Amino acid sequence: IRCAPACSGTTIKPGQDAAKLVHDAPNGTTFCFVAGVHRISETIRPKPDQVLASDQGAVLTGSVPLTRWSATNGDWVTTGVLPPPYGQTGQCEDNVANICYLREQVFLDGKHLTRVATRDKVAPGTFYADYTANAVYLGDNPAGRAVEMSKTGQAIQSSANNVTVRGLTIEHFATPPQGGAIQLGLGWKVSANDIRWNHAVGAMLVNADGAVLEKNLIHHNGQLGIGQYSTLNGTISANEVSHNNTDGFWIADWESGGIKTTWSNGGWVTGNLIKANRGVGLWSDAYDDGRTFNANQIVDNAADGIRYEIGRNGTISDNVITGNGLGTGRGSGTSLWDGGGINVNTSSNVQVRDNVVADNVNGISIQSRTRGSGPWGLNVLRDVVVTGNQVTMKGGTSATGMVQNSGAVIPVGEVTLKANTYILDSLTAERFQKTGEWYTANEWRQTGQDAGSTFTTRRAIR
């Protein structure tokens, strides 16, 4: 991660207009950003085969300095820096205040400040943005300190093919919910970047067939680390995706956390470290087909480790998934309906094999919900095979098994668990569930599930 090769090409220095230089250059030009802070006031739109790179750790920032402050009733205020009021998109964890969608984030000496909903809540470490009055209130004395506010909506995006982006730090962009600070397109290669502290998504693949996003640090973004939409055979590999959803988007069931992909075919999410995100670690949602989630380490995310929802032909294999789903908040819980280390939700032909799943809110949750119809017809749970996994369940009500809505009954034989290893606190503990009934290990085997599986109280064996 973050080992960018030497850059040889057209130099861009801090203070130059990067967007214009890139626009005016021919296809295939390589640009080398010099060390320092490059303030990007307009989205850079590369042409086909261009390279945007730095071997000096150049920083592209979407923020502007805020310098004209006045003391007022214990706070400090500056005016004339905000856009006009705009409507809400996305869903917030706090659905009363509903302020997560607001894009202009304030940083004090590089530290992310917490937004509050009203001026009377302003305190040290916080700020309030009054869009109607066009005023920003700060709870800390800004004298002698650097105060910056995210302003530019996006760092890098274009419809050009085969663009390369490497070795850059991309931070402080005022991306709208579901928008990426960098948006990959067809055949793009994005590697060795540090993508951080942007308001919504760090990196987004959109119609990005064959794109590769690898070996990046993607952390502390306001909503989500990585998103993918409508992409064929994209690769997301060897990234560290951590501590995303800093700005309070809904943890349990909206597009927040580590990685989320949707409406995509083929491709891989492999070899990533997905850690400590406030949401789902790795989420496939809505008509992903033929996706492979392989060899990831998924640790301490607030919601499910992996969620495969309304998809088909998926493979979830050789992942290590620990400590997920233990977050609290709106809509969270501990039942199999609330998920687990791995959650397969109303999907078909899904293989869950050879994973290590330990100490999550639940082990493996198989959910059949009434989810309407889509491009493949009625959305149903069918042909799910869970085999070769090592699942540790020792705390609370942690369980593995199946749940179903009354309108989405699972037909006999459509879910098969076999040849797994379960490490339990007790062989008499009820750690297995099938549509509302709880079972001990021996009782579970008598239901016909987990033929050839091992049940033990010994510590992990691999």
Protein backbone atom coordinates (compact mmCIF):
# COMPACT_ATOMS: atom_id res chain seq x y z
CA ILE A 1 0.00 0.00 0.00
CA ARG A 2 1.14 3.52 -0.88
CA CYS A 3 4.31 2.52 -2.71
CA ALA A 4 4.05 4.62 -5.86
CA PRO A 5 6.71 4.28 -8.57
CA ALA A 6 8.76 7.20 -9.84
CA CYS A 7 6.85 9.70 -11.95
CA SER A 8 8.22 11.18 -15.17
CA GLY A 9 6.08 13.64 -17.11
CA THR A 10 4.53 17.10 -17.04
CA THR A 11 4.99 18.71 -13.64
CA ILE A 12 2.09 20.28 -11.74
CA LYS A 13 3.06 22.52 -8.83
CA PRO A 14 0.91 23.78 -5.95
CA GLY A 15 -0.90 26.93 -7.03
CA GLN A 16 -1.24 25.87 -10.66
CA ASP A 17 -4.68 25.13 -12.13
CA ALA A 18 -4.53 21.34 -12.32
CA ALA A 19 -7.95 20.98 -13.96
CA LYS A 20 -6.98 23.34 -16.80
CA LEU A 21 -3.56 21.79 -17.34
CA VAL A 22 -5.11 18.33 -17.64
CA HIS A 23 -7.89 19.60 -19.91
CA ASP A 24 -5.45 21.33 -22.27
CA ALA A 25 -3.07 18.37 -22.64
CA PRO A 26 -3.40 15.58 -25.23
CA ASN A 27 -4.53 12.03 -24.56
CA GLY A 28 -1.90 9.87 -22.90
CA THR A 29 -0.10 12.67 -21.04
CA THR A 30 1.48 11.80 -17.70
CA PHE A 31 1.21 14.46 -14.99
CA CYS A 32 3.49 14.46 -11.95
CA PHE A 33 2.16 16.40 -8.96
CA VAL A 34 4.95 17.97 -6.91
CA ALA A 35 4.95 17.63 -3.11
CA GLY A 36 2.72 20.07 -1.27
CA VAL A 37 -0.94 21.00 -1.02
CA HIS A 38 -2.79 21.41 -4.32
CA ARG A 39 -6.10 23.23 -3.84
CA ILE A 40 -8.52 21.78 -6.38
CA SER A 41 -11.28 24.31 -7.04
CA GLU A 42 -12.63 22.49 -10.11
CA THR A 43 -12.94 18.74 -10.69
CA ILE A 44 -10.04 17.30 -12.69
CA ARG A 45 -11.40 15.54 -15.79
CA PRO A 46 -8.66 13.41 -17.35
CA LYS A 47 -8.60 12.33 -20.98
CA PRO A 48 -8.07 8.76 -22.26
CA ASP A 49 -4.82 7.10 -21.18
CA GLN A 50 -3.70 10.04 -19.07
CA VAL A 51 -1.81 9.44 -15.82
CA LEU A 52 -2.25 11.55 -12.67
CA ALA A 53 0.52 10.63 -10.28
CA SER A 54 2.92 11.69 -7.58
CA ASP A 55 6.03 10.05 -6.19
CA GLN A 56 6.28 12.81 -3.58
CA GLY A 57 3.01 12.35 -1.68
CA ALA A 58 1.25 15.36 -3.17
CA VAL A 59 -2.04 16.32 -1.50
CA LEU A 60 -5.12 17.22 -3.53
CA THR A 61 -7.56 19.02 -1.27
CA GLY A 62 -11.08 20.24 -1.91
CA SER A 63 -11.07 22.58 1.07
CA VAL A 64 -10.62 26.34 1.35
CA PRO A 65 -9.15 28.31 4.28
CA LEU A 66 -11.60 30.19 6.50
CA THR A 67 -9.84 33.27 7.85
CA ARG A 68 -12.29 36.06 8.72
CA TRP A 69 -13.57 35.22 12.18
CA SER A 70 -15.38 37.36 14.74
CA ALA A 71 -16.07 36.52 18.38
CA THR A 72 -19.78 36.36 19.22
CA ASN A 73 -21.34 35.22 22.51
CA GLY A 74 -18.60 32.74 23.30
CA ASP A 75 -18.37 31.35 19.76
CA TRP A 76 -16.58 32.50 16.64
CA VAL A 77 -18.37 33.17 13.35
CA THR A 78 -17.48 33.68 9.71
CA THR A 79 -19.97 34.54 6.97
CA GLY A 80 -20.37 34.33 3.21
CA VAL A 81 -18.67 30.95 2.75
CA LEU A 82 -21.58 28.50 2.40
CA PRO A 83 -23.66 27.57 -0.66
CA PRO A 84 -27.43 28.22 -0.64
CA PRO A 85 -29.50 25.68 1.34
CA TYR A 86 -30.05 22.35 -0.44
CA GLY A 87 -32.24 19.30 0.11
CA GLN A 88 -31.46 16.10 1.95
CA THR A 89 -30.33 12.89 0.28
CA GLY A 90 -29.33 9.71 2.07
CA GLN A 91 -30.36 8.49 5.52
CA CYS A 92 -28.79 9.50 8.83
CA GLU A 93 -28.22 7.51 12.00
CA ASP A 94 -29.83 10.44 13.84
CA ASN A 95 -33.03 10.74 11.82
CA VAL A 96 -34.33 13.59 13.97
CA ALA A 97 -31.51 16.10 13.47
CA ASN A 98 -30.87 14.72 9.93
CA ILE A 99 -27.64 16.61 9.29
CA CYS A 100 -25.38 13.85 7.92
CA TYR A 101 -26.04 14.83 4.30
CA LEU A 102 -24.59 18.34 4.65
CA ARG A 103 -21.40 18.38 2.62
CA GLU A 104 -19.34 21.31 3.90
CA GLN A 105 -17.13 19.81 6.61
CA VAL A 106 -14.85 21.93 8.82
CA PHE A 107 -11.31 21.00 9.91
CA LEU A 108 -9.28 22.71 12.64
CA ASP A 109 -5.52 22.20 12.31
CA GLY A 110 -6.40 19.20 10.16
CA LYS A 111 -8.76 17.69 12.74
CA HIS A 112 -12.30 16.80 11.64
CA LEU A 113 -14.82 18.75 13.73
CA THR A 114 -18.23 17.36 14.67
CA ARG A 115 -21.21 19.09 13.09
CA VAL A 116 -24.07 20.04 15.43
CA ALA A 117 -27.65 20.76 14.45
CA THR A 118 -28.18 24.11 16.19
CA ARG A 119 -26.04 26.99 17.34
CA ASP A 120 -26.78 26.45 21.02
CA LYS A 121 -25.01 23.06 20.77
CA VAL A 122 -21.71 24.60 19.64
CA ALA A 123 -18.83 23.63 21.95
CA PRO A 124 -15.10 22.99 21.57
CA GLY A 125 -14.51 20.38 18.86
CA THR A 126 -17.75 21.23 17.04
CA PHE A 127 -19.16 23.61 14.45
CA TYR A 128 -22.57 24.71 13.23
CA ALA A 129 -23.33 25.73 9.64
CA ASP A 130 -26.36 28.00 9.23
CA TYR A 131 -27.11 27.80 5.51
CA THR A 132 -29.98 30.28 5.63
CA ALA A 133 -27.84 32.97 7.27
CA ASN A 134 -24.70 31.84 5.39
CA ALA A 135 -22.70 31.64 8.61
CA VAL A 136 -20.35 29.09 10.16
CA TYR A 137 -19.96 29.03 13.96
CA LEU A 138 -16.90 27.51 15.63
CA GLY A 139 -16.56 26.36 19.25
CA ASP A 140 -12.78 26.86 19.36
CA ASN A 141 -10.83 30.10 19.15
CA PRO A 142 -9.39 30.08 15.61
CA ALA A 143 -6.65 32.63 16.35
CA GLY A 144 -3.32 31.33 15.09
CA ARG A 145 -4.85 28.10 13.87
CA ALA A 146 -5.66 26.69 10.43
CA VAL A 147 -9.40 26.40 9.77
CA GLU A 148 -10.52 24.85 6.48
CA MET A 149 -13.87 23.88 4.98
CA SER A 150 -14.61 21.29 2.29
CA LYS A 151 -15.95 23.05 -0.80
CA THR A 152 -15.13 21.36 -4.13
CA GLY A 153 -17.55 18.52 -4.85
CA GLN A 154 -15.22 15.98 -6.44
CA ALA A 155 -11.50 15.54 -7.08
CA ILE A 156 -11.25 13.39 -10.23
CA GLN A 157 -13.95 12.15 -12.61
CA SER A 158 -14.46 11.82 -16.36
CA SER A 159 -15.90 9.53 -19.02
CA ALA A 160 -12.43 8.83 -20.45
CA ASN A 161 -11.10 5.27 -20.61
CA ASN A 162 -7.89 3.78 -19.20
CA VAL A 163 -6.92 6.56 -16.81
CA THR A 164 -4.27 5.89 -14.14
CA VAL A 165 -4.23 7.63 -10.74
CA ARG A 166 -1.50 6.79 -8.25
CA GLY A 167 0.48 8.11 -5.32
CA LEU A 168 -1.86 10.99 -4.38
CA THR A 169 -3.51 12.01 -1.14
CA ILE A 170 -7.13 12.97 -1.90
CA GLU A 171 -8.89 14.71 0.98
CA HIS A 172 -11.53 17.20 2.08
CA PHE A 173 -13.87 17.02 -0.92
CA ALA A 174 -17.50 18.00 -0.34
CA THR A 175 -18.93 14.96 -2.06
CA PRO A 176 -22.72 14.47 -1.95
CA PRO A 177 -24.09 11.23 -0.46
CA GLN A 178 -23.22 8.25 -2.71
CA GLY A 179 -20.66 10.36 -4.58
CA GLY A 180 -16.97 9.48 -4.70
CA ALA A 181 -14.09 11.90 -4.23
CA ILE A 182 -12.58 9.94 -7.11
CA GLN A 183 -14.88 8.18 -9.57
CA LEU A 184 -13.33 5.41 -11.63
CA GLY A 185 -14.41 4.73 -15.20
CA LEU A 186 -13.83 2.09 -17.86
CA GLY A 187 -10.42 0.46 -17.52
CA TRP A 188 -9.11 2.84 -14.85
CA LYS A 189 -6.25 1.82 -12.57
CA VAL A 190 -6.16 3.58 -9.20
CA SER A 191 -3.43 2.54 -6.77
CA ALA A 192 -1.19 3.63 -3.91
CA ASN A 193 -3.36 6.62 -2.95
CA ASP A 194 -4.44 7.87 0.47
CA ILE A 195 -8.14 8.76 0.15
CA ARG A 196 -9.42 10.27 3.38
CA TRP A 197 -11.74 12.71 5.13
CA ASN A 198 -14.06 13.27 2.17
CA HIS A 199 -17.69 13.85 3.01
CA ALA A 200 -19.33 10.85 1.33
CA VAL A 201 -17.56 7.99 -0.53
CA GLY A 202 -13.80 7.76 -0.86
CA ALA A 203 -13.63 5.95 -4.23
CA MET A 204 -16.58 5.06 -6.48
CA LEU A 205 -16.60 2.71 -9.49
CA VAL A 206 -19.41 3.69 -11.90
CA ASN A 207 -19.75 1.98 -15.29
CA ALA A 208 -16.13 1.07 -14.63
CA ASP A 209 -15.80 -2.21 -16.54
CA GLY A 210 -12.39 -3.76 -16.01
CA ALA A 211 -11.28 -1.07 -13.55
CA VAL A 212 -8.77 -1.90 -10.81
CA LEU A 213 -8.73 -0.22 -7.40
CA GLU A 214 -5.82 -1.63 -5.45
CA LYS A 215 -3.32 -0.97 -2.68
CA ASN A 216 -4.94 2.25 -1.47
CA LEU A 217 -5.54 3.56 2.04
CA ILE A 218 -9.22 4.55 2.13
CA HIS A 219 -10.22 5.79 5.55
CA HIS A 220 -12.21 8.29 7.60
CA ASN A 221 -14.57 9.19 4.78
CA GLY A 222 -17.92 10.57 5.88
CA GLN A 223 -20.21 7.85 4.50
CA LEU A 224 -18.48 4.88 2.83
CA GLY A 225 -14.99 3.79 1.89
CA ILE A 226 -15.64 2.27 -1.56
CA GLY A 227 -18.77 2.07 -3.70
CA GLN A 228 -19.41 0.25 -6.98
CA TYR A 229 -22.33 0.52 -9.40
CA SER A 230 -23.09 -1.00 -12.81
CA THR A 231 -19.62 -2.42 -13.39
CA LEU A 232 -18.49 -5.57 -15.22
CA ASN A 233 -15.43 -7.41 -13.91
CA GLY A 234 -14.11 -4.69 -11.64
CA THR A 235 -11.37 -5.51 -9.15
CA ILE A 236 -11.12 -4.10 -5.62
CA SER A 237 -8.02 -5.63 -4.08
CA ALA A 238 -5.39 -5.20 -1.37
CA ASN A 239 -6.82 -1.94 -0.03
CA GLU A 240 -7.04 -0.94 3.61
CA VAL A 241 -10.58 0.34 4.16
CA SER A 242 -11.06 1.59 7.71
CA HIS A 243 -12.92 3.99 10.02
CA ASN A 244 -15.39 5.19 7.39
CA ASN A 245 -18.79 6.78 8.13
CA THR A 246 -17.44 9.66 10.21
CA ASP A 247 -20.39 11.95 9.45
CA GLY A 248 -23.27 9.96 10.90
CA PHE A 249 -25.00 8.07 8.10
CA TRP A 250 -27.34 5.23 9.13
CA ILE A 251 -25.17 2.37 10.35
CA ALA A 252 -27.52 -0.62 10.24
CA ASP A 253 -29.21 -0.36 6.87
CA TRP A 254 -28.08 2.44 4.58
CA GLU A 255 -25.05 2.79 2.38
CA SER A 256 -22.45 3.37 5.08
CA GLY A 257 -19.33 1.57 6.25
CA GLY A 258 -16.59 -0.19 4.31
CA ILE A 259 -17.44 -1.36 0.77
CA LYS A 260 -20.79 -1.59 -1.03
CA THR A 261 -21.40 -2.89 -4.56
CA THR A 262 -24.61 -3.00 -6.56
CA TRP A 263 -25.94 -3.84 -10.05
CA SER A 264 -22.55 -5.28 -11.04
CA ASN A 265 -21.52 -8.48 -12.83
CA GLY A 266 -18.45 -10.60 -12.21
CA GLY A 267 -15.36 -9.15 -10.63
CA TRP A 268 -13.62 -9.54 -7.31
CA VAL A 269 -13.27 -7.97 -3.90
CA THR A 270 -10.16 -9.70 -2.66
CA GLY A 271 -7.30 -9.35 -0.22
CA ASN A 272 -8.58 -6.19 1.48
CA LEU A 273 -8.38 -5.24 5.15
CA ILE A 274 -11.83 -3.88 6.02
CA LYS A 275 -11.71 -2.64 9.58
CA ALA A 276 -13.61 -0.56 12.14
CA ASN A 277 -16.12 0.97 9.76
CA ARG A 278 -19.41 2.29 11.17
CA GLY A 279 -21.64 0.12 9.02
CA VAL A 280 -21.44 -3.11 7.02
CA GLY A 281 -17.90 -4.25 6.25
CA LEU A 282 -18.54 -5.62 2.73
CA TRP A 283 -22.02 -5.37 1.23
CA SER A 284 -23.39 -6.64 -2.07
CA ASP A 285 -26.86 -5.21 -2.55
CA ALA A 286 -29.42 -5.34 -5.36
CA TYR A 287 -28.72 -7.43 -8.42
CA ASP A 288 -25.05 -8.18 -8.18
CA ASP A 289 -24.40 -11.29 -10.29
CA GLY A 290 -21.40 -13.59 -10.18
CA ARG A 291 -19.46 -11.65 -7.56
CA THR A 292 -16.51 -13.12 -5.66
CA PHE A 293 -15.58 -11.93 -2.16
CA ASN A 294 -12.34 -13.73 -1.37
CA ALA A 295 -9.46 -13.64 1.12
CA ASN A 296 -10.47 -10.42 2.86
CA GLN A 297 -9.84 -9.67 6.52
CA ILE A 298 -13.02 -8.10 7.89
CA VAL A 299 -12.70 -6.92 11.48
CA ASP A 300 -14.71 -4.90 14.02
CA ASN A 301 -17.25 -3.30 11.70
CA ALA A 302 -20.41 -2.05 13.41
CA ALA A 303 -22.86 -4.06 11.27
CA ASP A 304 -22.51 -7.32 9.27
CA GLY A 305 -19.05 -8.47 8.26
CA ILE A 306 -20.31 -9.54 4.81
CA ARG A 307 -23.86 -9.02 3.57
CA TYR A 308 -24.94 -10.58 0.23
CA GLU A 309 -28.41 -9.19 -0.46
CA ILE A 310 -30.77 -9.72 -3.43
CA GLY A 311 -28.01 -11.13 -5.63
CA ARG A 312 -27.15 -14.38 -7.32
CA ASN A 313 -24.22 -16.61 -8.27
CA GLY A 314 -22.00 -15.30 -5.49
CA THR A 315 -18.92 -16.82 -3.89
CA ILE A 316 -17.84 -15.86 -0.37
CA SER A 317 -14.64 -17.76 0.38
CA ASP A 318 -11.46 -17.79 2.45
CA ASN A 319 -12.27 -14.62 4.38
CA VAL A 320 -11.39 -14.01 8.04
CA ILE A 321 -14.37 -12.29 9.66
CA THR A 322 -14.15 -11.32 13.34
CA GLY A 323 -15.84 -8.98 15.80
CA ASN A 324 -18.52 -7.59 13.47
CA GLY A 325 -22.12 -6.57 14.12
CA LEU A 326 -21.60 -5.50 17.71
CA GLY A 327 -22.46 -1.84 17.15
CA THR A 328 -25.48 -0.22 18.72
CA GLY A 329 -27.83 2.31 17.24
CA ARG A 330 -31.01 2.69 15.26
CA GLY A 331 -32.16 -0.66 13.87
CA SER A 332 -29.31 -2.72 15.29
CA GLY A 333 -29.89 -5.89 17.29
CA THR A 334 -28.64 -9.37 18.08
CA SER A 335 -31.07 -11.73 16.32
CA LEU A 336 -30.36 -13.56 13.07
CA TRP A 337 -32.63 -10.97 11.44
CA ASP A 338 -29.99 -8.41 12.39
CA GLY A 339 -27.22 -10.29 10.59
CA GLY A 340 -23.88 -11.72 11.60
CA GLY A 341 -20.36 -12.38 10.45
CA ILE A 342 -21.86 -13.46 7.12
CA ASN A 343 -25.43 -12.61 6.11
CA VAL A 344 -26.99 -14.09 2.95
CA ASN A 345 -30.27 -12.26 2.37
CA THR A 346 -32.82 -13.33 -0.27
CA SER A 347 -30.17 -14.39 -2.79
CA SER A 348 -29.71 -17.46 -4.99
CA ASN A 349 -26.85 -19.80 -5.88
CA VAL A 350 -24.49 -18.49 -3.22
CA GLN A 351 -21.48 -20.48 -2.03
CA VAL A 352 -20.17 -19.68 1.47
CA ARG A 353 -17.04 -21.74 1.94
CA ASP A 354 -13.77 -21.98 3.81
CA ASN A 355 -14.20 -18.80 5.84
CA VAL A 356 -13.10 -18.21 9.44
CA VAL A 357 -16.01 -16.54 11.25
CA ALA A 358 -15.40 -15.74 14.92
CA ASP A 359 -16.93 -13.71 17.73
CA ASN A 360 -19.40 -11.72 15.64
CA VAL A 361 -22.91 -10.83 16.81
CA ASN A 362 -23.96 -14.06 15.06
CA GLY A 363 -22.12 -16.64 13.01
CA ILE A 364 -23.77 -17.15 9.61
CA SER A 365 -27.27 -15.77 9.08
CA ILE A 366 -29.38 -17.00 6.15
CA GLN A 367 -32.40 -14.73 5.64
CA SER A 368 -35.44 -15.23 3.41
CA ARG A 369 -37.41 -12.00 3.19
CA THR A 370 -40.32 -10.76 1.11
CA ARG A 371 -38.43 -8.42 -1.23
CA GLY A 372 -40.65 -8.05 -4.29
CA SER A 373 -39.51 -8.57 -7.88
CA GLY A 374 -36.69 -7.31 -10.06
CA PRO A 375 -34.98 -7.97 -13.38
CA TRP A 376 -34.69 -11.70 -12.60
CA GLY A 377 -38.30 -12.08 -11.49
CA LEU A 378 -39.35 -12.70 -7.89
CA ASN A 379 -36.52 -12.14 -5.41
CA VAL A 380 -36.12 -15.39 -3.46
CA LEU A 381 -33.64 -17.32 -1.32
CA ARG A 382 -32.53 -20.43 -3.20
CA ASP A 383 -29.56 -22.80 -3.51
CA VAL A 384 -27.34 -21.56 -0.68
CA VAL A 385 -24.47 -23.88 0.32
CA VAL A 386 -22.42 -23.25 3.47
CA THR A 387 -19.43 -25.58 3.74
CA GLY A 388 -15.89 -25.81 5.08
CA ASN A 389 -16.24 -22.81 7.38
CA GLN A 390 -14.89 -22.48 10.91
CA VAL A 391 -17.46 -20.63 13.03
CA THR A 392 -16.82 -19.59 16.64
CA MET A 393 -19.92 -18.72 18.71
CA LYS A 394 -19.45 -18.26 22.44
CA GLY A 395 -21.07 -15.05 23.59
CA GLY A 396 -24.55 -13.66 24.14
CA THR A 397 -27.20 -15.12 21.84
CA SER A 398 -24.79 -15.70 18.96
CA ALA A 399 -26.21 -18.27 16.55
CA THR A 400 -26.04 -19.71 13.04
CA GLY A 401 -29.08 -20.64 11.02
CA MET A 402 -32.08 -19.50 9.00
CA VAL A 403 -34.93 -17.04 9.40
CA GLN A 404 -37.85 -16.40 7.07
CA ASN A 405 -40.85 -14.15 6.54
CA SER A 406 -44.25 -15.84 6.38
CA GLY A 407 -44.44 -14.85 2.72
CA ALA A 408 -40.96 -16.15 1.91
CA VAL A 409 -40.87 -19.72 3.24
CA ILE A 410 -37.62 -21.53 2.43
CA PRO A 411 -38.35 -24.72 0.44
CA VAL A 412 -36.82 -27.94 1.75
CA GLY A 413 -33.32 -28.51 0.40
CA GLU A 414 -32.63 -24.94 -0.72
CA VAL A 415 -30.19 -24.22 2.14
CA THR A 416 -27.45 -26.74 2.90
CA LEU A 417 -24.88 -26.51 5.68
CA LYS A 418 -22.27 -29.28 5.69
CA ALA A 419 -18.69 -30.09 6.68
CA ASN A 420 -18.27 -26.99 8.84
CA THR A 421 -16.44 -26.71 12.16
CA TYR A 422 -18.23 -24.99 15.05
CA ILE A 423 -16.34 -23.85 18.14
CA LEU A 424 -18.86 -23.33 20.94
CA ASP A 425 -18.90 -22.34 24.59
CA SER A 426 -20.86 -25.51 25.35
CA LEU A 427 -22.23 -28.39 23.32
CA THR A 428 -25.49 -27.98 25.21
CA ALA A 429 -25.81 -24.28 24.35
CA GLU A 430 -28.54 -23.43 21.85
CA ARG A 431 -26.38 -21.89 19.15
CA PHE A 432 -28.41 -22.89 16.10
CA GLN A 433 -31.72 -21.62 14.84
CA LYS A 434 -34.16 -22.59 12.13
CA THR A 435 -37.15 -20.36 11.49
CA GLY A 436 -37.76 -19.51 15.12
CA GLU A 437 -36.73 -22.77 16.79
CA TRP A 438 -33.48 -23.00 18.76
CA TYR A 439 -31.23 -26.06 18.85
CA THR A 440 -28.18 -27.47 20.58
CA ALA A 441 -25.48 -28.99 18.38
CA ASN A 442 -26.95 -32.48 18.60
CA GLU A 443 -30.50 -31.26 18.00
CA TRP A 444 -29.31 -29.24 15.03
CA ARG A 445 -27.78 -32.28 13.37
CA GLN A 446 -31.07 -34.10 13.82
CA THR A 447 -32.78 -31.47 11.63
CA GLY A 448 -30.68 -32.79 8.75
CA GLN A 449 -28.26 -29.87 8.62
CA ASP A 450 -24.47 -29.92 8.97
CA ALA A 451 -23.81 -33.49 7.90
CA GLY A 452 -20.11 -34.17 8.33
CA SER A 453 -19.61 -31.09 10.51
CA THR A 454 -17.58 -30.92 13.72
CA PHE A 455 -18.86 -29.37 16.96
CA THR A 456 -16.27 -28.67 19.65
CA THR A 457 -15.48 -26.48 22.63
CA ARG A 458 -11.78 -26.38 21.82
CA ARG A 459 -10.06 -23.24 20.66
CA ALA A 460 -9.63 -22.35 17.01
CA ILE A 461 -7.77 -24.97 15.01
CA ARG A 462 -6.71 -22.86 12.04
